[in-house]
C-alpha atoms as a PDB file:
ATOM      1  CA  UNK A   1     -18.182 -10.599   0.854  1.00  0.00           C
ATOM      2  CA  UNK A   2     -15.412 -10.831  -1.760  1.00  0.00           C
ATOM      3  CA  UNK A   3     -14.462  -7.195  -2.225  1.00  0.00           C
ATOM      4  CA  UNK A   4     -11.044  -5.702  -2.848  1.00  0.00           C
ATOM      5  CA  UNK A   5      -8.496  -5.914  -0.039  1.00  0.00           C
ATOM      6  CA  UNK A   6      -5.675  -3.618   0.968  1.00  0.00           C
ATOM      7  CA  UNK A   7      -3.752  -6.652   2.229  1.00  0.00           C
ATOM      8  CA  UNK A   8      -2.351  -9.803   0.658  1.00  0.00           C
ATOM      9  CA  UNK A   9      -2.398 -13.128   2.466  1.00  0.00           C
ATOM     10  CA  UNK A  10       0.766 -15.187   2.841  1.00  0.00           C
ATOM     11  CA  UNK A  11       1.038 -18.564   1.137  1.00  0.00           C
ATOM     12  CA  UNK A  12       2.241 -21.522   3.241  1.00  0.00           C
ATOM     13  CA  UNK A  13       5.421 -23.269   2.075  1.00  0.00           C
ATOM     14  CA  UNK A  14       5.587 -26.933   1.007  1.00  0.00           C
ATOM     15  CA  UNK A  15       5.444 -27.970   4.664  1.00  0.00           C
ATOM     16  CA  UNK A  16       2.418 -25.792   5.418  1.00  0.00           C
ATOM     17  CA  UNK A  17       4.484 -23.195   7.294  1.00  0.00           C
ATOM     18  CA  UNK A  18       3.963 -19.465   6.870  1.00  0.00           C
ATOM     19  CA  UNK A  19       7.104 -17.416   7.355  1.00  0.00           C
ATOM     20  CA  UNK A  20       6.144 -14.194   9.094  1.00  0.00           C
ATOM     21  CA  UNK A  21       8.566 -11.319   9.524  1.00  0.00           C
ATOM     22  CA  UNK A  22       9.821 -10.129  12.902  1.00  0.00           C
ATOM     23  CA  UNK A  23       7.649  -7.027  12.505  1.00  0.00           C
ATOM     24  CA  UNK A  24       4.532  -9.124  11.840  1.00  0.00           C
ATOM     25  CA  UNK A  25       5.222 -11.296  14.874  1.00  0.00           C
ATOM     26  CA  UNK A  26       5.705  -8.150  16.944  1.00  0.00           C
ATOM     27  CA  UNK A  27       2.297  -6.862  15.843  1.00  0.00           C
ATOM     28  CA  UNK A  28       0.729 -10.149  16.965  1.00  0.00           C
ATOM     29  CA  UNK A  29       2.540  -9.933  20.293  1.00  0.00           C
ATOM     30  CA  UNK A  30       1.336  -6.386  20.928  1.00  0.00           C
ATOM     31  CA  UNK A  31      -2.222  -7.252  19.912  1.00  0.00           C
ATOM     32  CA  UNK A  32      -2.602 -10.424  21.962  1.00  0.00           C
ATOM     33  CA  UNK A  33      -0.910  -9.112  25.098  1.00  0.00           C
ATOM     34  CA  UNK A  34      -2.905  -5.906  24.933  1.00  0.00           C
ATOM     35  CA  UNK A  35      -6.212  -7.677  24.362  1.00  0.00           C
ATOM     36  CA  UNK A  36      -5.640 -10.284  27.069  1.00  0.00           C
ATOM     37  CA  UNK A  37      -5.272  -7.473  29.576  1.00  0.00           C
ATOM     38  CA  UNK A  38      -8.759  -6.179  28.680  1.00  0.00           C
ATOM     39  CA  UNK A  39     -10.850  -9.348  28.749  1.00  0.00           C
ATOM     40  CA  UNK A  40     -11.632  -9.615  32.446  1.00  0.00           C
ATOM     41  CA  UNK A  41     -15.121  -8.317  33.166  1.00  0.00           C
ATOM     42  CA  UNK A  42     -15.981  -7.944  29.485  1.00  0.00           C
ATOM     43  CA  UNK A  43     -15.826 -11.441  27.972  1.00  0.00           C
ATOM     44  CA  UNK A  44     -17.869 -14.507  28.917  1.00  0.00           C
ATOM     45  CA  UNK A  45     -16.309 -17.354  30.869  1.00  0.00           C
ATOM     46  CA  UNK A  46     -16.880 -19.795  28.013  1.00  0.00           C
ATOM     47  CA  UNK A  47     -14.554 -17.741  25.836  1.00  0.00           C
ATOM     48  CA  UNK A  48     -11.986 -17.328  28.630  1.00  0.00           C
ATOM     49  CA  UNK A  49     -11.924 -21.097  29.191  1.00  0.00           C
ATOM     50  CA  UNK A  50     -11.666 -21.763  25.456  1.00  0.00           C
ATOM     51  CA  UNK A  51      -8.805 -19.287  25.145  1.00  0.00           C
ATOM     52  CA  UNK A  52      -6.889 -21.249  27.778  1.00  0.00           C
ATOM     53  CA  UNK A  53      -7.472 -24.423  25.760  1.00  0.00           C
ATOM     54  CA  UNK A  54      -6.051 -22.798  22.608  1.00  0.00           C
ATOM     55  CA  UNK A  55      -2.936 -21.595  24.495  1.00  0.00           C
ATOM     56  CA  UNK A  56      -1.819 -19.172  21.770  1.00  0.00           C
ATOM     57  CA  UNK A  57       1.836 -18.102  21.748  1.00  0.00           C
ATOM     58  CA  UNK A  58       2.405 -14.552  22.935  1.00  0.00           C
ATOM     59  CA  UNK A  59       5.561 -13.824  20.944  1.00  0.00           C
ATOM     60  CA  UNK A  60       4.662 -15.005  17.430  1.00  0.00           C
ATOM     61  CA  UNK A  61       1.756 -15.672  15.099  1.00  0.00           C
ATOM     62  CA  UNK A  62       0.634 -19.296  15.546  1.00  0.00           C
ATOM     63  CA  UNK A  63       0.800 -21.632  12.580  1.00  0.00           C
ATOM     64  CA  UNK A  64      -2.533 -22.870  11.267  1.00  0.00           C
ATOM     65  CA  UNK A  65      -1.677 -26.528  11.846  1.00  0.00           C
ATOM     66  CA  UNK A  66      -1.144 -25.772  15.558  1.00  0.00           C
ATOM     67  CA  UNK A  67      -4.639 -24.337  15.808  1.00  0.00           C
ATOM     68  CA  UNK A  68      -6.178 -27.159  13.782  1.00  0.00           C
ATOM     69  CA  UNK A  69      -4.665 -29.801  16.047  1.00  0.00           C
ATOM     70  CA  UNK A  70      -6.492 -28.349  19.059  1.00  0.00           C
ATOM     71  CA  UNK A  71      -9.796 -27.881  17.235  1.00  0.00           C
ATOM     72  CA  UNK A  72      -9.726 -31.363  15.699  1.00  0.00           C
ATOM     73  CA  UNK A  73      -9.213 -32.860  19.129  1.00  0.00           C
ATOM     74  CA  UNK A  74     -12.267 -31.061  20.568  1.00  0.00           C
ATOM     75  CA  UNK A  75     -14.896 -30.689  17.844  1.00  0.00           C
ATOM     76  CA  UNK A  76     -13.424 -31.964  14.585  1.00  0.00           C
ATOM     77  CA  UNK A  77     -12.853 -28.477  13.174  1.00  0.00           C
ATOM     78  CA  UNK A  78      -9.751 -27.061  11.518  1.00  0.00           C
ATOM     79  CA  UNK A  79      -8.650 -23.787   9.968  1.00  0.00           C
ATOM     80  CA  UNK A  80      -7.977 -23.227   6.274  1.00  0.00           C
ATOM     81  CA  UNK A  81      -5.741 -20.563   4.757  1.00  0.00           C
ATOM     82  CA  UNK A  82      -7.655 -18.318   2.344  1.00  0.00           C
ATOM     83  CA  UNK A  83      -7.044 -15.095   0.403  1.00  0.00           C
ATOM     84  CA  UNK A  84      -7.847 -11.884   2.224  1.00  0.00           C
ATOM     85  CA  UNK A  85     -11.520 -11.973   1.196  1.00  0.00           C
ATOM     86  CA  UNK A  86     -13.629 -14.824  -0.205  1.00  0.00           C
ATOM     87  CA  UNK A  87     -17.129 -15.028  -1.666  1.00  0.00           C
ATOM     88  CA  UNK A  88     -20.221 -16.280   0.142  1.00  0.00           C
ATOM     89  CA  UNK A  89     -20.222 -19.695  -1.547  1.00  0.00           C
ATOM     90  CA  UNK A  90     -16.617 -20.459  -0.619  1.00  0.00           C
ATOM     91  CA  UNK A  91     -17.279 -19.238   2.927  1.00  0.00           C
ATOM     92  CA  UNK A  92     -20.357 -21.434   3.328  1.00  0.00           C
ATOM     93  CA  UNK A  93     -18.584 -24.475   1.859  1.00  0.00           C
ATOM     94  CA  UNK A  94     -15.722 -24.218   4.320  1.00  0.00           C
ATOM     95  CA  UNK A  95     -17.997 -23.844   7.337  1.00  0.00           C
ATOM     96  CA  UNK A  96     -20.210 -26.708   6.194  1.00  0.00           C
ATOM     97  CA  UNK A  97     -17.091 -28.891   6.137  1.00  0.00           C
ATOM     98  CA  UNK A  98     -15.990 -27.716   9.589  1.00  0.00           C
ATOM     99  CA  UNK A  99     -13.145 -25.566   8.285  1.00  0.00           C
ATOM    100  CA  UNK A 100     -12.850 -22.002   9.452  1.00  0.00           C
ATOM    101  CA  UNK A 101     -11.332 -19.654   6.821  1.00  0.00           C
ATOM    102  CA  UNK A 102      -8.369 -17.615   8.000  1.00  0.00           C
ATOM    103  CA  UNK A 103      -6.757 -14.850   5.995  1.00  0.00           C
ATOM    104  CA  UNK A 104      -3.047 -15.182   6.744  1.00  0.00           C
ATOM    105  CA  UNK A 105      -2.001 -11.524   6.772  1.00  0.00           C
ATOM    106  CA  UNK A 106      -1.776  -9.408   9.905  1.00  0.00           C
ATOM    107  CA  UNK A 107      -2.606  -5.729  10.170  1.00  0.00           C
ATOM    108  CA  UNK A 108       0.038  -3.046   9.943  1.00  0.00           C
ATOM    109  CA  UNK A 109       0.979  -0.969  12.963  1.00  0.00           C
ATOM    110  CA  UNK A 110      -1.001   1.984  11.652  1.00  0.00           C
ATOM    111  CA  UNK A 111      -4.126  -0.214  11.666  1.00  0.00           C
ATOM    112  CA  UNK A 112      -3.666  -1.616  15.171  1.00  0.00           C
ATOM    113  CA  UNK A 113      -6.768   0.038  16.634  1.00  0.00           C
ATOM    114  CA  UNK A 114      -9.238  -0.862  13.902  1.00  0.00           C
ATOM    115  CA  UNK A 115      -9.213  -2.916  10.716  1.00  0.00           C
ATOM    116  CA  UNK A 116     -12.314  -3.197   8.551  1.00  0.00           C
ATOM    117  CA  UNK A 117     -11.328  -6.532   6.978  1.00  0.00           C
ATOM    118  CA  UNK A 118     -10.503  -9.644   9.030  1.00  0.00           C
ATOM    119  CA  UNK A 119      -6.807 -10.411   9.586  1.00  0.00           C
ATOM    120  CA  UNK A 120      -5.262 -13.457  11.224  1.00  0.00           C
ATOM    121  CA  UNK A 121      -5.480 -11.915  14.686  1.00  0.00           C
ATOM    122  CA  UNK A 122      -9.223 -11.450  14.320  1.00  0.00           C
ATOM    123  CA  UNK A 123      -9.711 -14.893  12.780  1.00  0.00           C
ATOM    124  CA  UNK A 124      -7.537 -16.816  15.230  1.00  0.00           C
ATOM    125  CA  UNK A 125      -7.886 -14.903  18.502  1.00  0.00           C
ATOM    126  CA  UNK A 126     -11.488 -13.896  17.876  1.00  0.00           C
ATOM    127  CA  UNK A 127     -13.017 -16.932  16.203  1.00  0.00           C
ATOM    128  CA  UNK A 128     -11.206 -20.174  16.885  1.00  0.00           C
ATOM    129  CA  UNK A 129     -11.442 -20.449  20.709  1.00  0.00           C
ATOM    130  CA  UNK A 130     -15.221 -20.916  20.807  1.00  0.00           C
ATOM    131  CA  UNK A 131     -15.023 -23.536  18.062  1.00  0.00           C
ATOM    132  CA  UNK A 132     -13.859 -25.848  20.866  1.00  0.00           C
ATOM    133  CA  UNK A 133     -17.408 -25.541  22.325  1.00  0.00           C
ATOM    134  CA  UNK A 134     -19.665 -28.193  20.740  1.00  0.00           C
ATOM    135  CA  UNK A 135     -22.699 -25.868  20.757  1.00  0.00           C
ATOM    136  CA  UNK A 136     -20.921 -23.021  19.034  1.00  0.00           C
ATOM    137  CA  UNK A 137     -19.226 -25.395  16.591  1.00  0.00           C
ATOM    138  CA  UNK A 138     -22.537 -27.063  15.711  1.00  0.00           C
ATOM    139  CA  UNK A 139     -24.186 -23.700  15.031  1.00  0.00           C
ATOM    140  CA  UNK A 140     -21.322 -22.540  12.794  1.00  0.00           C
ATOM    141  CA  UNK A 141     -21.446 -25.775  10.783  1.00  0.00           C
ATOM    142  CA  UNK A 142     -25.247 -25.585  10.450  1.00  0.00           C
ATOM    143  CA  UNK A 143     -24.939 -21.975   9.322  1.00  0.00           C
ATOM    144  CA  UNK A 144     -22.566 -23.007   6.537  1.00  0.00           C
ATOM    145  CA  UNK A 145     -24.938 -25.758   5.383  1.00  0.00           C
ATOM    146  CA  UNK A 146     -27.859 -23.326   5.428  1.00  0.00           C
ATOM    147  CA  UNK A 147     -25.861 -20.932   3.285  1.00  0.00           C
ATOM    148  CA  UNK A 148     -25.231 -23.625   0.688  1.00  0.00           C
ATOM    149  CA  UNK A 149     -28.938 -24.497   0.615  1.00  0.00           C
ATOM    150  CA  UNK A 150     -30.145 -20.898   0.442  1.00  0.00           C
ATOM    151  CA  UNK A 151     -30.974 -18.923  -2.663  1.00  0.00           C
ATOM    152  CA  UNK A 152     -28.222 -16.443  -3.468  1.00  0.00           C
ATOM    153  CA  UNK A 153     -30.652 -13.572  -2.935  1.00  0.00           C
ATOM    154  CA  UNK A 154     -30.835 -14.618   0.720  1.00  0.00           C
ATOM    155  CA  UNK A 155     -27.089 -14.659   1.369  1.00  0.00           C
ATOM    156  CA  UNK A 156     -27.071 -11.090   2.658  1.00  0.00           C
ATOM    157  CA  UNK A 157     -29.912 -11.860   5.046  1.00  0.00           C
ATOM    158  CA  UNK A 158     -28.124 -14.957   6.349  1.00  0.00           C
ATOM    159  CA  UNK A 159     -25.015 -12.841   6.825  1.00  0.00           C
ATOM    160  CA  UNK A 160     -26.916 -10.904   9.493  1.00  0.00           C
ATOM    161  CA  UNK A 161     -27.368 -14.054  11.553  1.00  0.00           C
ATOM    162  CA  UNK A 162     -23.608 -14.630  11.532  1.00  0.00           C
ATOM    163  CA  UNK A 163     -22.881 -10.955  12.153  1.00  0.00           C
ATOM    164  CA  UNK A 164     -25.042 -10.572  15.244  1.00  0.00           C
ATOM    165  CA  UNK A 165     -23.924 -13.850  16.826  1.00  0.00           C
ATOM    166  CA  UNK A 166     -20.500 -15.132  15.806  1.00  0.00           C
ATOM    167  CA  UNK A 167     -19.114 -11.674  15.088  1.00  0.00           C
ATOM    168  CA  UNK A 168     -20.882  -9.272  17.463  1.00  0.00           C
ATOM    169  CA  UNK A 169     -22.879 -11.323  19.945  1.00  0.00           C
ATOM    170  CA  UNK A 170     -23.404 -10.591  23.642  1.00  0.00           C
ATOM    171  CA  UNK A 171     -24.465 -13.093  26.305  1.00  0.00           C
ATOM    172  CA  UNK A 172     -25.993 -12.885  29.776  1.00  0.00           C
ATOM    173  CA  UNK A 173     -23.954 -14.565  32.491  1.00  0.00           C
ATOM    174  CA  UNK A 174     -24.109 -15.021  36.253  1.00  0.00           C
ATOM    175  CA  UNK A 175     -21.687 -12.088  36.461  1.00  0.00           C
ATOM    176  CA  UNK A 176     -23.703  -9.827  34.166  1.00  0.00           C
ATOM    177  CA  UNK A 177     -23.621  -8.979  30.478  1.00  0.00           C
ATOM    178  CA  UNK A 178     -20.551 -10.231  28.608  1.00  0.00           C
ATOM    179  CA  UNK A 179     -19.325 -10.386  25.010  1.00  0.00           C
ATOM    180  CA  UNK A 180     -18.444 -13.441  22.947  1.00  0.00           C
ATOM    181  CA  UNK A 181     -18.482 -12.250  19.322  1.00  0.00           C
ATOM    182  CA  UNK A 182     -15.120 -12.293  17.559  1.00  0.00           C
ATOM    183  CA  UNK A 183     -15.485  -8.733  16.315  1.00  0.00           C
ATOM    184  CA  UNK A 184     -15.831  -7.552  19.894  1.00  0.00           C
ATOM    185  CA  UNK A 185     -13.290  -9.718  21.713  1.00  0.00           C
ATOM    186  CA  UNK A 186     -10.579  -8.878  19.166  1.00  0.00           C
ATOM    187  CA  UNK A 187     -11.259  -5.115  19.242  1.00  0.00           C
ATOM    188  CA  UNK A 188      -9.900  -2.997  22.116  1.00  0.00           C
ATOM    189  CA  UNK A 189     -12.357  -0.191  21.450  1.00  0.00           C
ATOM    190  CA  UNK A 190     -15.544  -2.125  20.764  1.00  0.00           C
ATOM    191  CA  UNK A 191     -14.934  -4.483  23.684  1.00  0.00           C
ATOM    192  CA  UNK A 192     -15.563  -1.606  26.092  1.00  0.00           C
ATOM    193  CA  UNK A 193     -18.112   0.227  23.931  1.00  0.00           C
ATOM    194  CA  UNK A 194     -20.337  -2.843  23.491  1.00  0.00           C
ATOM    195  CA  UNK A 195     -20.843  -3.243  27.233  1.00  0.00           C
ATOM    196  CA  UNK A 196     -20.452   0.243  28.685  1.00  0.00           C
ATOM    197  CA  UNK A 197     -21.685   2.765  26.133  1.00  0.00           C
ATOM    198  CA  UNK A 198     -25.235   4.051  26.448  1.00  0.00           C
ATOM    199  CA  UNK A 199     -25.453   4.529  22.666  1.00  0.00           C
ATOM    200  CA  UNK A 200     -26.184   1.030  21.290  1.00  0.00           C
ATOM    201  CA  UNK A 201     -29.491  -0.816  21.576  1.00  0.00           C
ATOM    202  CA  UNK A 202     -28.990  -4.179  23.316  1.00  0.00           C
ATOM    203  CA  UNK A 203     -31.843  -6.514  22.420  1.00  0.00           C
ATOM    204  CA  UNK A 204     -32.767 -10.036  23.553  1.00  0.00           C
ATOM    205  CA  UNK A 205     -31.770 -12.520  20.869  1.00  0.00           C
ATOM    206  CA  UNK A 206     -34.548 -13.425  18.466  1.00  0.00           C
ATOM    207  CA  UNK A 207     -33.583 -15.073  15.179  1.00  0.00           C
ATOM    208  CA  UNK A 208     -36.275 -13.337  13.108  1.00  0.00           C
ATOM    209  CA  UNK A 209     -35.372  -9.962  14.596  1.00  0.00           C
ATOM    210  CA  UNK A 210     -31.702 -10.594  13.807  1.00  0.00           C
ATOM    211  CA  UNK A 211     -32.395 -11.556  10.184  1.00  0.00           C
ATOM    212  CA  UNK A 212     -34.316  -8.309   9.681  1.00  0.00           C
ATOM    213  CA  UNK A 213     -31.736  -5.979  11.241  1.00  0.00           C
ATOM    214  CA  UNK A 214     -29.309  -4.121   8.928  1.00  0.00           C
ATOM    215  CA  UNK A 215     -25.766  -3.257   9.977  1.00  0.00           C
ATOM    216  CA  UNK A 216     -22.655  -1.435   8.850  1.00  0.00           C
ATOM    217  CA  UNK A 217     -19.205  -2.998   8.943  1.00  0.00           C
ATOM    218  CA  UNK A 218     -17.221   0.214   9.262  1.00  0.00           C
ATOM    219  CA  UNK A 219     -18.559   1.585  12.565  1.00  0.00           C
ATOM    220  CA  UNK A 220     -19.145   0.407  16.105  1.00  0.00           C
ATOM    221  CA  UNK A 221     -22.456  -1.418  16.121  1.00  0.00           C
ATOM    222  CA  UNK A 222     -25.663   0.420  16.959  1.00  0.00           C
ATOM    223  CA  UNK A 223     -27.490  -2.822  17.826  1.00  0.00           C
ATOM    224  CA  UNK A 224     -26.330  -5.920  19.725  1.00  0.00           C
ATOM    225  CA  UNK A 225     -28.300  -9.099  20.390  1.00  0.00           C
ATOM    226  CA  UNK A 226     -27.980 -10.902  23.705  1.00  0.00           C
ATOM    227  CA  UNK A 227     -28.147 -14.664  24.244  1.00  0.00           C
ATOM    228  CA  UNK A 228     -29.062 -16.226  27.570  1.00  0.00           C
ATOM    229  CA  UNK A 229     -26.981 -19.307  26.759  1.00  0.00           C
ATOM    230  CA  UNK A 230     -25.053 -20.928  23.924  1.00  0.00           C
ATOM    231  CA  UNK A 231     -27.744 -23.589  24.128  1.00  0.00           C
ATOM    232  CA  UNK A 232     -29.830 -21.219  21.986  1.00  0.00           C
ATOM    233  CA  UNK A 233     -27.280 -21.474  19.184  1.00  0.00           C
ATOM    234  CA  UNK A 234     -27.213 -25.256  19.545  1.00  0.00           C
ATOM    235  CA  UNK A 235     -31.016 -25.332  19.240  1.00  0.00           C
ATOM    236  CA  UNK A 236     -30.794 -23.219  16.077  1.00  0.00           C
ATOM    237  CA  UNK A 237     -28.271 -25.699  14.695  1.00  0.00           C
ATOM    238  CA  UNK A 238     -30.927 -28.420  14.877  1.00  0.00           C
ATOM    239  CA  UNK A 239     -33.431 -26.344  12.864  1.00  0.00           C
ATOM    240  CA  UNK A 240     -33.904 -25.722   9.163  1.00  0.00           C
ATOM    241  CA  UNK A 241     -32.888 -22.074   8.916  1.00  0.00           C
ATOM    242  CA  UNK A 242     -34.249 -21.515   5.400  1.00  0.00           C
ATOM    243  CA  UNK A 243     -37.930 -21.155   6.478  1.00  0.00           C
ATOM    244  CA  UNK A 244     -36.813 -18.555   9.025  1.00  0.00           C
ATOM    245  CA  UNK A 245     -35.069 -16.608   6.277  1.00  0.00           C
ATOM    246  CA  UNK A 246     -38.171 -16.747   4.092  1.00  0.00           C
ATOM    247  CA  UNK A 247     -40.369 -15.563   6.943  1.00  0.00           C
ATOM    248  CA  UNK A 248     -37.995 -12.691   7.716  1.00  0.00           C
ATOM    249  CA  UNK A 249     -38.008 -11.639   4.070  1.00  0.00           C
ATOM    250  CA  UNK A 250     -41.822 -11.527   4.034  1.00  0.00           C
ATOM    251  CA  UNK A 251     -41.851  -9.425   7.200  1.00  0.00           C
ATOM    252  CA  UNK A 252     -39.399  -6.910   5.746  1.00  0.00           C
ATOM    253  CA  UNK A 253     -36.321  -5.143   7.020  1.00  0.00           C
ATOM    254  CA  UNK A 254     -36.117  -2.974  10.124  1.00  0.00           C
ATOM    255  CA  UNK A 255     -35.253   0.677   9.654  1.00  0.00           C
ATOM    256  CA  UNK A 256     -31.478   1.202  10.049  1.00  0.00           C
ATOM    257  CA  UNK A 257     -30.444   2.691  13.398  1.00  0.00           C
ATOM    258  CA  UNK A 258     -27.062   3.853  12.113  1.00  0.00           C
ATOM    259  CA  UNK A 259     -26.140   6.932  10.039  1.00  0.00           C
ATOM    260  CA  UNK A 260     -26.637   6.278   6.338  1.00  0.00           C
ATOM    261  CA  UNK A 261     -23.493   6.833   4.297  1.00  0.00           C
ATOM    262  CA  UNK A 262     -23.507   9.919   2.117  1.00  0.00           C
ATOM    263  CA  UNK A 263     -23.471   9.206  -1.605  1.00  0.00           C
ATOM    264  CA  UNK A 264     -20.128   9.636  -3.301  1.00  0.00           C
END
């Protein structure tokens, strides 16, 4: 998880304020206004309602304390400023303590369409709204605690559970299939691809299946898993996830459905 980054996060001042440039605020404005115009018909109502609760500014990057105040009031969560990329242990520790890590840089204009590493738009717009939902918040906290309890050799397997839910999850709704994962709702291209393309395999959510499914971070996903309700995530939060990981390891990995990278 902690690989080299092309970006550098901003450090808050003594008052916890991050001073973004006019250009950085303009990038946020273009991203949020553009993405808001795409959500209808593609994103689940739970996310839409949560987005209204967050009430993000349209003309500037929100300060982390503004986001934390809303989350604390609903589920006791907050956001924590971190470097661009952090290791698994630091990530798990933050989640276990109900703190969501947020890299404080924002993408450059040339990276508006796609950014491989998470910036503050992805972290804030994509992740924080659903942390106002007690079921989603409980699952994210339980995931962090499971990560701390797991053997390091199982971190990559646990990462798949996060990837196919929090990052790239789909959900059935009364209006049809919708997205909720942060990697989808914050991506103009994948938002449409995930629901409309006939290329990916959309599977019913099964935790063991998820843990055994490989993925790539640098392409649109070839597999998505679909929940019937966030209640499923809440039920997982009440379970010990480590036995599931052990069972998945014994069963072995699924064959990748994506193109394998050519060796350098």
